[in-house]
């Protein structure tokens, strides 16, 4: 768990999605990462009970396996909705640029463009001056990596994002992904360097070959979720 920060990790069992709520403390402004539409009442309950004011809701990328809660949270709280600068979701209130630091009432997150799973994927580094944690979206998972076979994904970009960017963070940096399918809740950069079976001891060419031969079925909701998420999970007329 991230210490000295009010931190809550939520799990959606239908899509195996992690959502993260962060604030400097009770009664403070808060931000949320990768919310799921069906879980919005749960987040709002936590926000109310922790006496928080939600001011920012962020998606790390356009998800293909669930519908985002960005639009519903904006309607309920008047928060700013945000994605990375390369998103095609015109419904968001703002876009964040690579290297930009978000500051929400003392919570500092530096945006890092980490394409590979999708071409517009971003990760977010907590306290970039002395990195404590990184929220990796789907590009780096715990003992795995996000698939690269749709939404302009690319295994070479995935390798470059992980090895060339995320693995440059200190080994003790906590890793919080947007998904987990095996029961892991947190890892570290050092652990993933040593034990991630797709990366540890592998060359870039070996990694690319692995990713190009996964032959996974499409996510169950992909045809619905992508279009819905380009509208922030709400009807386009209400975006």
C-alpha atoms as a PDB file:
ATOM      1  CA  UNK A   1       0.000   0.000   0.000  1.00  0.00           C
ATOM      2  CA  UNK A   2       1.147   3.548  -0.719  1.00  0.00           C
ATOM      3  CA  UNK A   3       1.998   5.093   2.667  1.00  0.00           C
ATOM      4  CA  UNK A   4       1.267   8.660   3.824  1.00  0.00           C
ATOM      5  CA  UNK A   5      -1.391   8.924   1.130  1.00  0.00           C
ATOM      6  CA  UNK A   6      -5.075   8.093   1.412  1.00  0.00           C
ATOM      7  CA  UNK A   7      -5.103   5.211  -1.044  1.00  0.00           C
ATOM      8  CA  UNK A   8      -7.861   2.814  -2.023  1.00  0.00           C
ATOM      9  CA  UNK A   9      -7.644   0.006  -4.566  1.00  0.00           C
ATOM     10  CA  UNK A  10     -10.943  -1.255  -5.996  1.00  0.00           C
ATOM     11  CA  UNK A  11     -11.463  -4.422  -8.048  1.00  0.00           C
ATOM     12  CA  UNK A  12     -14.105  -5.158 -10.653  1.00  0.00           C
ATOM     13  CA  UNK A  13     -14.432  -8.938 -10.921  1.00  0.00           C
ATOM     14  CA  UNK A  14     -16.225  -8.872 -14.285  1.00  0.00           C
ATOM     15  CA  UNK A  15     -13.330  -7.224 -16.114  1.00  0.00           C
ATOM     16  CA  UNK A  16     -10.530  -7.877 -13.585  1.00  0.00           C
ATOM     17  CA  UNK A  17      -9.972  -4.123 -13.480  1.00  0.00           C
ATOM     18  CA  UNK A  18      -8.227  -2.219 -10.713  1.00  0.00           C
ATOM     19  CA  UNK A  19      -9.337   1.335  -9.955  1.00  0.00           C
ATOM     20  CA  UNK A  20      -7.321   3.615  -7.690  1.00  0.00           C
ATOM     21  CA  UNK A  21      -8.530   6.484  -5.501  1.00  0.00           C
ATOM     22  CA  UNK A  22      -5.871   8.833  -4.107  1.00  0.00           C
ATOM     23  CA  UNK A  23      -5.943  11.851  -1.818  1.00  0.00           C
ATOM     24  CA  UNK A  24      -3.631  13.544   0.664  1.00  0.00           C
ATOM     25  CA  UNK A  25      -6.030  12.692   3.470  1.00  0.00           C
ATOM     26  CA  UNK A  26      -9.620  12.668   4.641  1.00  0.00           C
ATOM     27  CA  UNK A  27     -11.496  15.819   3.747  1.00  0.00           C
ATOM     28  CA  UNK A  28      -9.175  16.620   0.850  1.00  0.00           C
ATOM     29  CA  UNK A  29      -9.458  16.773  -2.915  1.00  0.00           C
ATOM     30  CA  UNK A  30      -9.048  13.410  -4.652  1.00  0.00           C
ATOM     31  CA  UNK A  31      -8.392  11.798  -8.014  1.00  0.00           C
ATOM     32  CA  UNK A  32      -9.383   8.412  -9.409  1.00  0.00           C
ATOM     33  CA  UNK A  33      -7.703   6.265 -12.050  1.00  0.00           C
ATOM     34  CA  UNK A  34      -9.408   3.839 -14.462  1.00  0.00           C
ATOM     35  CA  UNK A  35     -12.959   3.810 -13.030  1.00  0.00           C
ATOM     36  CA  UNK A  36     -15.496   1.196 -14.205  1.00  0.00           C
ATOM     37  CA  UNK A  37     -19.017   2.392 -15.017  1.00  0.00           C
ATOM     38  CA  UNK A  38     -20.831  -0.319 -13.050  1.00  0.00           C
ATOM     39  CA  UNK A  39     -18.755   0.443  -9.942  1.00  0.00           C
ATOM     40  CA  UNK A  40     -19.391   4.199  -9.858  1.00  0.00           C
ATOM     41  CA  UNK A  41     -21.886   3.961  -6.945  1.00  0.00           C
ATOM     42  CA  UNK A  42     -19.206   2.103  -4.970  1.00  0.00           C
ATOM     43  CA  UNK A  43     -16.626   4.826  -5.630  1.00  0.00           C
ATOM     44  CA  UNK A  44     -19.100   7.556  -4.724  1.00  0.00           C
ATOM     45  CA  UNK A  45     -19.870   5.810  -1.454  1.00  0.00           C
ATOM     46  CA  UNK A  46     -16.181   5.679  -0.574  1.00  0.00           C
ATOM     47  CA  UNK A  47     -15.693   9.313  -1.581  1.00  0.00           C
ATOM     48  CA  UNK A  48     -18.600  10.364   0.639  1.00  0.00           C
ATOM     49  CA  UNK A  49     -17.544   8.270   3.615  1.00  0.00           C
ATOM     50  CA  UNK A  50     -13.932   9.476   3.404  1.00  0.00           C
ATOM     51  CA  UNK A  51     -15.166  13.088   3.120  1.00  0.00           C
ATOM     52  CA  UNK A  52     -13.352  13.614  -0.158  1.00  0.00           C
ATOM     53  CA  UNK A  53     -14.025  15.932  -3.070  1.00  0.00           C
ATOM     54  CA  UNK A  54     -13.357  14.203  -6.383  1.00  0.00           C
ATOM     55  CA  UNK A  55     -11.778  16.736  -8.731  1.00  0.00           C
ATOM     56  CA  UNK A  56     -10.097  14.524 -11.349  1.00  0.00           C
ATOM     57  CA  UNK A  57     -10.930  11.204 -13.039  1.00  0.00           C
ATOM     58  CA  UNK A  58      -8.347   9.715 -15.398  1.00  0.00           C
ATOM     59  CA  UNK A  59      -8.274   6.791 -17.813  1.00  0.00           C
ATOM     60  CA  UNK A  60      -4.829   5.454 -18.658  1.00  0.00           C
ATOM     61  CA  UNK A  61      -6.090   4.449 -22.125  1.00  0.00           C
ATOM     62  CA  UNK A  62      -9.234   3.528 -24.053  1.00  0.00           C
ATOM     63  CA  UNK A  63     -10.259   0.267 -22.433  1.00  0.00           C
ATOM     64  CA  UNK A  64     -11.644  -2.569 -24.544  1.00  0.00           C
ATOM     65  CA  UNK A  65     -12.986  -4.832 -21.792  1.00  0.00           C
ATOM     66  CA  UNK A  66     -15.235  -2.547 -19.755  1.00  0.00           C
ATOM     67  CA  UNK A  67     -17.086   0.734 -20.031  1.00  0.00           C
ATOM     68  CA  UNK A  68     -15.417   3.641 -18.297  1.00  0.00           C
ATOM     69  CA  UNK A  69     -16.928   5.510 -15.372  1.00  0.00           C
ATOM     70  CA  UNK A  70     -15.480   8.872 -16.440  1.00  0.00           C
ATOM     71  CA  UNK A  71     -18.727  10.341 -17.732  1.00  0.00           C
ATOM     72  CA  UNK A  72     -20.848   9.168 -14.802  1.00  0.00           C
ATOM     73  CA  UNK A  73     -18.319  10.504 -12.292  1.00  0.00           C
ATOM     74  CA  UNK A  74     -18.206  13.873 -14.046  1.00  0.00           C
ATOM     75  CA  UNK A  75     -22.013  14.038 -13.989  1.00  0.00           C
ATOM     76  CA  UNK A  76     -22.122  13.149 -10.295  1.00  0.00           C
ATOM     77  CA  UNK A  77     -19.226  15.261  -8.990  1.00  0.00           C
ATOM     78  CA  UNK A  78     -18.386  17.868 -11.665  1.00  0.00           C
ATOM     79  CA  UNK A  79     -14.846  16.502 -11.700  1.00  0.00           C
ATOM     80  CA  UNK A  80     -12.477  17.027 -14.625  1.00  0.00           C
ATOM     81  CA  UNK A  81     -12.183  13.982 -16.867  1.00  0.00           C
ATOM     82  CA  UNK A  82      -8.780  13.391 -18.446  1.00  0.00           C
ATOM     83  CA  UNK A  83      -6.857  11.121 -20.781  1.00  0.00           C
ATOM     84  CA  UNK A  84      -3.485  11.332 -22.493  1.00  0.00           C
ATOM     85  CA  UNK A  85      -2.750  13.728 -25.321  1.00  0.00           C
ATOM     86  CA  UNK A  86      -3.131  11.103 -28.049  1.00  0.00           C
ATOM     87  CA  UNK A  87      -6.601   9.930 -27.091  1.00  0.00           C
ATOM     88  CA  UNK A  88      -9.385   9.965 -29.670  1.00  0.00           C
ATOM     89  CA  UNK A  89     -11.985  10.450 -26.913  1.00  0.00           C
ATOM     90  CA  UNK A  90     -13.173  13.985 -27.572  1.00  0.00           C
ATOM     91  CA  UNK A  91     -15.498  13.828 -24.568  1.00  0.00           C
ATOM     92  CA  UNK A  92     -12.780  14.306 -21.946  1.00  0.00           C
ATOM     93  CA  UNK A  93     -12.488  17.682 -20.263  1.00  0.00           C
ATOM     94  CA  UNK A  94      -8.701  17.833 -20.631  1.00  0.00           C
ATOM     95  CA  UNK A  95      -5.706  15.984 -22.023  1.00  0.00           C
ATOM     96  CA  UNK A  96      -2.399  15.453 -20.258  1.00  0.00           C
ATOM     97  CA  UNK A  97       0.918  15.642 -22.087  1.00  0.00           C
ATOM     98  CA  UNK A  98       3.930  13.386 -21.752  1.00  0.00           C
ATOM     99  CA  UNK A  99       6.062  14.617 -18.840  1.00  0.00           C
ATOM    100  CA  UNK A 100       3.354  16.861 -17.395  1.00  0.00           C
ATOM    101  CA  UNK A 101       2.869  16.681 -13.630  1.00  0.00           C
ATOM    102  CA  UNK A 102      -0.668  16.607 -12.250  1.00  0.00           C
ATOM    103  CA  UNK A 103      -1.011  18.112  -8.770  1.00  0.00           C
ATOM    104  CA  UNK A 104      -4.219  17.381  -6.873  1.00  0.00           C
ATOM    105  CA  UNK A 105      -4.034  18.849  -3.383  1.00  0.00           C
ATOM    106  CA  UNK A 106      -0.489  17.564  -2.855  1.00  0.00           C
ATOM    107  CA  UNK A 107      -0.804  14.328  -4.827  1.00  0.00           C
ATOM    108  CA  UNK A 108       1.727  14.628  -7.666  1.00  0.00           C
ATOM    109  CA  UNK A 109       1.499  12.315 -10.674  1.00  0.00           C
ATOM    110  CA  UNK A 110       3.799  12.618 -13.660  1.00  0.00           C
ATOM    111  CA  UNK A 111       2.304  11.487 -16.978  1.00  0.00           C
ATOM    112  CA  UNK A 112       4.457   9.110 -19.030  1.00  0.00           C
ATOM    113  CA  UNK A 113       3.459   8.124 -22.559  1.00  0.00           C
ATOM    114  CA  UNK A 114       3.847   4.344 -22.651  1.00  0.00           C
ATOM    115  CA  UNK A 115       2.418   3.061 -25.946  1.00  0.00           C
ATOM    116  CA  UNK A 116       2.366  -0.592 -26.866  1.00  0.00           C
ATOM    117  CA  UNK A 117      -0.889  -1.961 -25.507  1.00  0.00           C
ATOM    118  CA  UNK A 118      -2.565   0.918 -27.336  1.00  0.00           C
ATOM    119  CA  UNK A 119      -0.912   3.814 -29.109  1.00  0.00           C
ATOM    120  CA  UNK A 120      -2.373   6.318 -26.606  1.00  0.00           C
ATOM    121  CA  UNK A 121      -1.575   4.537 -23.334  1.00  0.00           C
ATOM    122  CA  UNK A 122      -0.155   6.534 -20.443  1.00  0.00           C
ATOM    123  CA  UNK A 123       1.349   5.548 -17.104  1.00  0.00           C
ATOM    124  CA  UNK A 124       1.451   7.825 -14.050  1.00  0.00           C
ATOM    125  CA  UNK A 125       4.369   8.102 -11.605  1.00  0.00           C
ATOM    126  CA  UNK A 126       3.545   9.079  -8.024  1.00  0.00           C
ATOM    127  CA  UNK A 127       5.984  11.666  -6.603  1.00  0.00           C
ATOM    128  CA  UNK A 128       8.244  11.827  -9.673  1.00  0.00           C
ATOM    129  CA  UNK A 129      11.129  13.519  -7.830  1.00  0.00           C
ATOM    130  CA  UNK A 130      11.473  10.366  -5.696  1.00  0.00           C
ATOM    131  CA  UNK A 131       9.196   7.805  -7.369  1.00  0.00           C
ATOM    132  CA  UNK A 132       7.112   5.810  -4.929  1.00  0.00           C
ATOM    133  CA  UNK A 133       4.647   4.074  -7.235  1.00  0.00           C
ATOM    134  CA  UNK A 134       3.651   3.876 -10.868  1.00  0.00           C
ATOM    135  CA  UNK A 135       0.187   3.219 -12.233  1.00  0.00           C
ATOM    136  CA  UNK A 136       0.926   1.357 -15.441  1.00  0.00           C
ATOM    137  CA  UNK A 137      -2.477   0.913 -17.043  1.00  0.00           C
ATOM    138  CA  UNK A 138      -2.277  -2.182 -19.242  1.00  0.00           C
ATOM    139  CA  UNK A 139       1.216  -1.822 -20.673  1.00  0.00           C
ATOM    140  CA  UNK A 140       2.959  -3.530 -17.716  1.00  0.00           C
ATOM    141  CA  UNK A 141       1.018  -6.050 -15.656  1.00  0.00           C
ATOM    142  CA  UNK A 142       2.173  -8.079 -12.673  1.00  0.00           C
ATOM    143  CA  UNK A 143       4.164 -10.987 -14.116  1.00  0.00           C
ATOM    144  CA  UNK A 144       2.744 -10.157 -17.531  1.00  0.00           C
ATOM    145  CA  UNK A 145       2.229  -7.413 -20.104  1.00  0.00           C
ATOM    146  CA  UNK A 146      -0.785  -6.034 -21.928  1.00  0.00           C
ATOM    147  CA  UNK A 147      -1.640  -7.552 -25.283  1.00  0.00           C
ATOM    148  CA  UNK A 148      -0.546  -5.618 -28.347  1.00  0.00           C
ATOM    149  CA  UNK A 149      -2.814  -6.946 -31.108  1.00  0.00           C
ATOM    150  CA  UNK A 150      -5.524  -4.251 -31.376  1.00  0.00           C
ATOM    151  CA  UNK A 151      -6.078  -0.471 -30.993  1.00  0.00           C
ATOM    152  CA  UNK A 152      -2.785   0.213 -32.770  1.00  0.00           C
ATOM    153  CA  UNK A 153      -0.896  -1.830 -30.218  1.00  0.00           C
ATOM    154  CA  UNK A 154       2.684  -2.702 -31.093  1.00  0.00           C
ATOM    155  CA  UNK A 155       5.012  -5.187 -29.346  1.00  0.00           C
ATOM    156  CA  UNK A 156       8.131  -3.194 -30.194  1.00  0.00           C
ATOM    157  CA  UNK A 157       6.621  -0.061 -28.651  1.00  0.00           C
ATOM    158  CA  UNK A 158       5.527  -2.138 -25.669  1.00  0.00           C
ATOM    159  CA  UNK A 159       9.112  -3.276 -25.080  1.00  0.00           C
ATOM    160  CA  UNK A 160      10.430   0.266 -25.469  1.00  0.00           C
ATOM    161  CA  UNK A 161       7.839   1.637 -23.030  1.00  0.00           C
ATOM    162  CA  UNK A 162       8.515  -1.010 -20.411  1.00  0.00           C
ATOM    163  CA  UNK A 163      12.257  -1.536 -20.670  1.00  0.00           C
ATOM    164  CA  UNK A 164      13.186   1.916 -21.902  1.00  0.00           C
ATOM    165  CA  UNK A 165      10.915   3.949 -19.632  1.00  0.00           C
ATOM    166  CA  UNK A 166       9.241   2.068 -16.767  1.00  0.00           C
ATOM    167  CA  UNK A 167      12.297  -0.057 -15.962  1.00  0.00           C
ATOM    168  CA  UNK A 168      14.324   3.144 -15.569  1.00  0.00           C
ATOM    169  CA  UNK A 169      12.360   3.877 -12.390  1.00  0.00           C
ATOM    170  CA  UNK A 170      13.941   2.786  -9.093  1.00  0.00           C
ATOM    171  CA  UNK A 171      13.605  -0.933  -8.369  1.00  0.00           C
ATOM    172  CA  UNK A 172      11.603  -0.259  -5.209  1.00  0.00           C
ATOM    173  CA  UNK A 173       8.910   1.689  -7.100  1.00  0.00           C
ATOM    174  CA  UNK A 174       5.550  -0.005  -6.511  1.00  0.00           C
ATOM    175  CA  UNK A 175       3.714  -1.192  -9.621  1.00  0.00           C
ATOM    176  CA  UNK A 176      -0.071  -0.867  -9.721  1.00  0.00           C
ATOM    177  CA  UNK A 177      -1.580  -2.076 -13.019  1.00  0.00           C
ATOM    178  CA  UNK A 178      -5.089  -1.516 -14.361  1.00  0.00           C
ATOM    179  CA  UNK A 179      -5.747  -5.258 -14.530  1.00  0.00           C
ATOM    180  CA  UNK A 180      -4.792  -8.525 -12.884  1.00  0.00           C
ATOM    181  CA  UNK A 181      -6.055 -11.995 -13.710  1.00  0.00           C
ATOM    182  CA  UNK A 182      -4.086 -14.087 -11.187  1.00  0.00           C
ATOM    183  CA  UNK A 183      -4.756 -12.526  -7.795  1.00  0.00           C
ATOM    184  CA  UNK A 184      -1.772 -10.164  -7.581  1.00  0.00           C
ATOM    185  CA  UNK A 185      -2.468  -6.705  -6.156  1.00  0.00           C
ATOM    186  CA  UNK A 186       0.916  -4.942  -6.312  1.00  0.00           C
ATOM    187  CA  UNK A 187       4.458  -5.543  -7.476  1.00  0.00           C
ATOM    188  CA  UNK A 188       7.657  -3.514  -7.831  1.00  0.00           C
ATOM    189  CA  UNK A 189       9.779  -2.494 -10.783  1.00  0.00           C
ATOM    190  CA  UNK A 190      12.597  -4.683  -9.439  1.00  0.00           C
ATOM    191  CA  UNK A 191      10.339  -7.734  -9.183  1.00  0.00           C
ATOM    192  CA  UNK A 192       9.113  -7.326 -12.739  1.00  0.00           C
ATOM    193  CA  UNK A 193      12.664  -6.960 -14.045  1.00  0.00           C
ATOM    194  CA  UNK A 194      13.627 -10.227 -12.353  1.00  0.00           C
ATOM    195  CA  UNK A 195      10.491 -12.357 -12.547  1.00  0.00           C
ATOM    196  CA  UNK A 196       8.205 -11.200 -15.343  1.00  0.00           C
ATOM    197  CA  UNK A 197       8.273 -14.254 -17.638  1.00  0.00           C
ATOM    198  CA  UNK A 198       7.806 -12.213 -20.819  1.00  0.00           C
ATOM    199  CA  UNK A 199      10.636  -9.821 -20.002  1.00  0.00           C
ATOM    200  CA  UNK A 200      13.206 -11.281 -17.606  1.00  0.00           C
ATOM    201  CA  UNK A 201      16.222 -12.551 -19.518  1.00  0.00           C
ATOM    202  CA  UNK A 202      14.538 -11.844 -22.858  1.00  0.00           C
ATOM    203  CA  UNK A 203      15.780  -9.823 -25.802  1.00  0.00           C
ATOM    204  CA  UNK A 204      13.536  -7.372 -27.592  1.00  0.00           C
ATOM    205  CA  UNK A 205      13.241  -9.784 -30.521  1.00  0.00           C
ATOM    206  CA  UNK A 206      12.209 -12.628 -28.205  1.00  0.00           C
ATOM    207  CA  UNK A 207       9.597 -10.431 -26.534  1.00  0.00           C
ATOM    208  CA  UNK A 208       8.162  -9.326 -29.884  1.00  0.00           C
ATOM    209  CA  UNK A 209       7.916 -12.960 -30.990  1.00  0.00           C
ATOM    210  CA  UNK A 210       6.080 -13.902 -27.777  1.00  0.00           C
ATOM    211  CA  UNK A 211       3.577 -11.090 -28.160  1.00  0.00           C
ATOM    212  CA  UNK A 212       2.930 -11.794 -31.840  1.00  0.00           C
ATOM    213  CA  UNK A 213       2.117 -15.405 -31.097  1.00  0.00           C
ATOM    214  CA  UNK A 214      -0.279 -15.061 -28.141  1.00  0.00           C
ATOM    215  CA  UNK A 215      -3.351 -15.635 -30.345  1.00  0.00           C
ATOM    216  CA  UNK A 216      -5.810 -14.439 -27.695  1.00  0.00           C
ATOM    217  CA  UNK A 217      -9.551 -14.052 -28.344  1.00  0.00           C
ATOM    218  CA  UNK A 218     -10.916 -10.521 -28.542  1.00  0.00           C
ATOM    219  CA  UNK A 219     -12.155  -9.070 -25.239  1.00  0.00           C
ATOM    220  CA  UNK A 220     -15.810  -9.979 -24.767  1.00  0.00           C
ATOM    221  CA  UNK A 221     -17.028  -6.357 -24.719  1.00  0.00           C
ATOM    222  CA  UNK A 222     -14.560  -4.904 -27.212  1.00  0.00           C
ATOM    223  CA  UNK A 223     -17.095  -3.964 -29.903  1.00  0.00           C
ATOM    224  CA  UNK A 224     -19.246  -2.178 -27.326  1.00  0.00           C
ATOM    225  CA  UNK A 225     -16.645  -0.840 -24.907  1.00  0.00           C
ATOM    226  CA  UNK A 226     -14.321   0.982 -27.291  1.00  0.00           C
ATOM    227  CA  UNK A 227     -17.084   3.055 -28.877  1.00  0.00           C
ATOM    228  CA  UNK A 228     -18.694   3.727 -25.504  1.00  0.00           C
ATOM    229  CA  UNK A 229     -15.387   4.766 -23.991  1.00  0.00           C
ATOM    230  CA  UNK A 230     -14.698   7.236 -26.764  1.00  0.00           C
ATOM    231  CA  UNK A 231     -17.837   8.920 -25.360  1.00  0.00           C
ATOM    232  CA  UNK A 232     -16.577   8.593 -21.738  1.00  0.00           C
ATOM    233  CA  UNK A 233     -19.091   5.849 -21.097  1.00  0.00           C
ATOM    234  CA  UNK A 234     -22.106   8.094 -21.611  1.00  0.00           C
ATOM    235  CA  UNK A 235     -24.302   8.945 -24.614  1.00  0.00           C
ATOM    236  CA  UNK A 236     -22.442  11.293 -26.952  1.00  0.00           C
ATOM    237  CA  UNK A 237     -25.181  13.929 -26.589  1.00  0.00           C
ATOM    238  CA  UNK A 238     -24.397  14.089 -22.860  1.00  0.00           C
ATOM    239  CA  UNK A 239     -20.611  14.192 -23.178  1.00  0.00           C
END
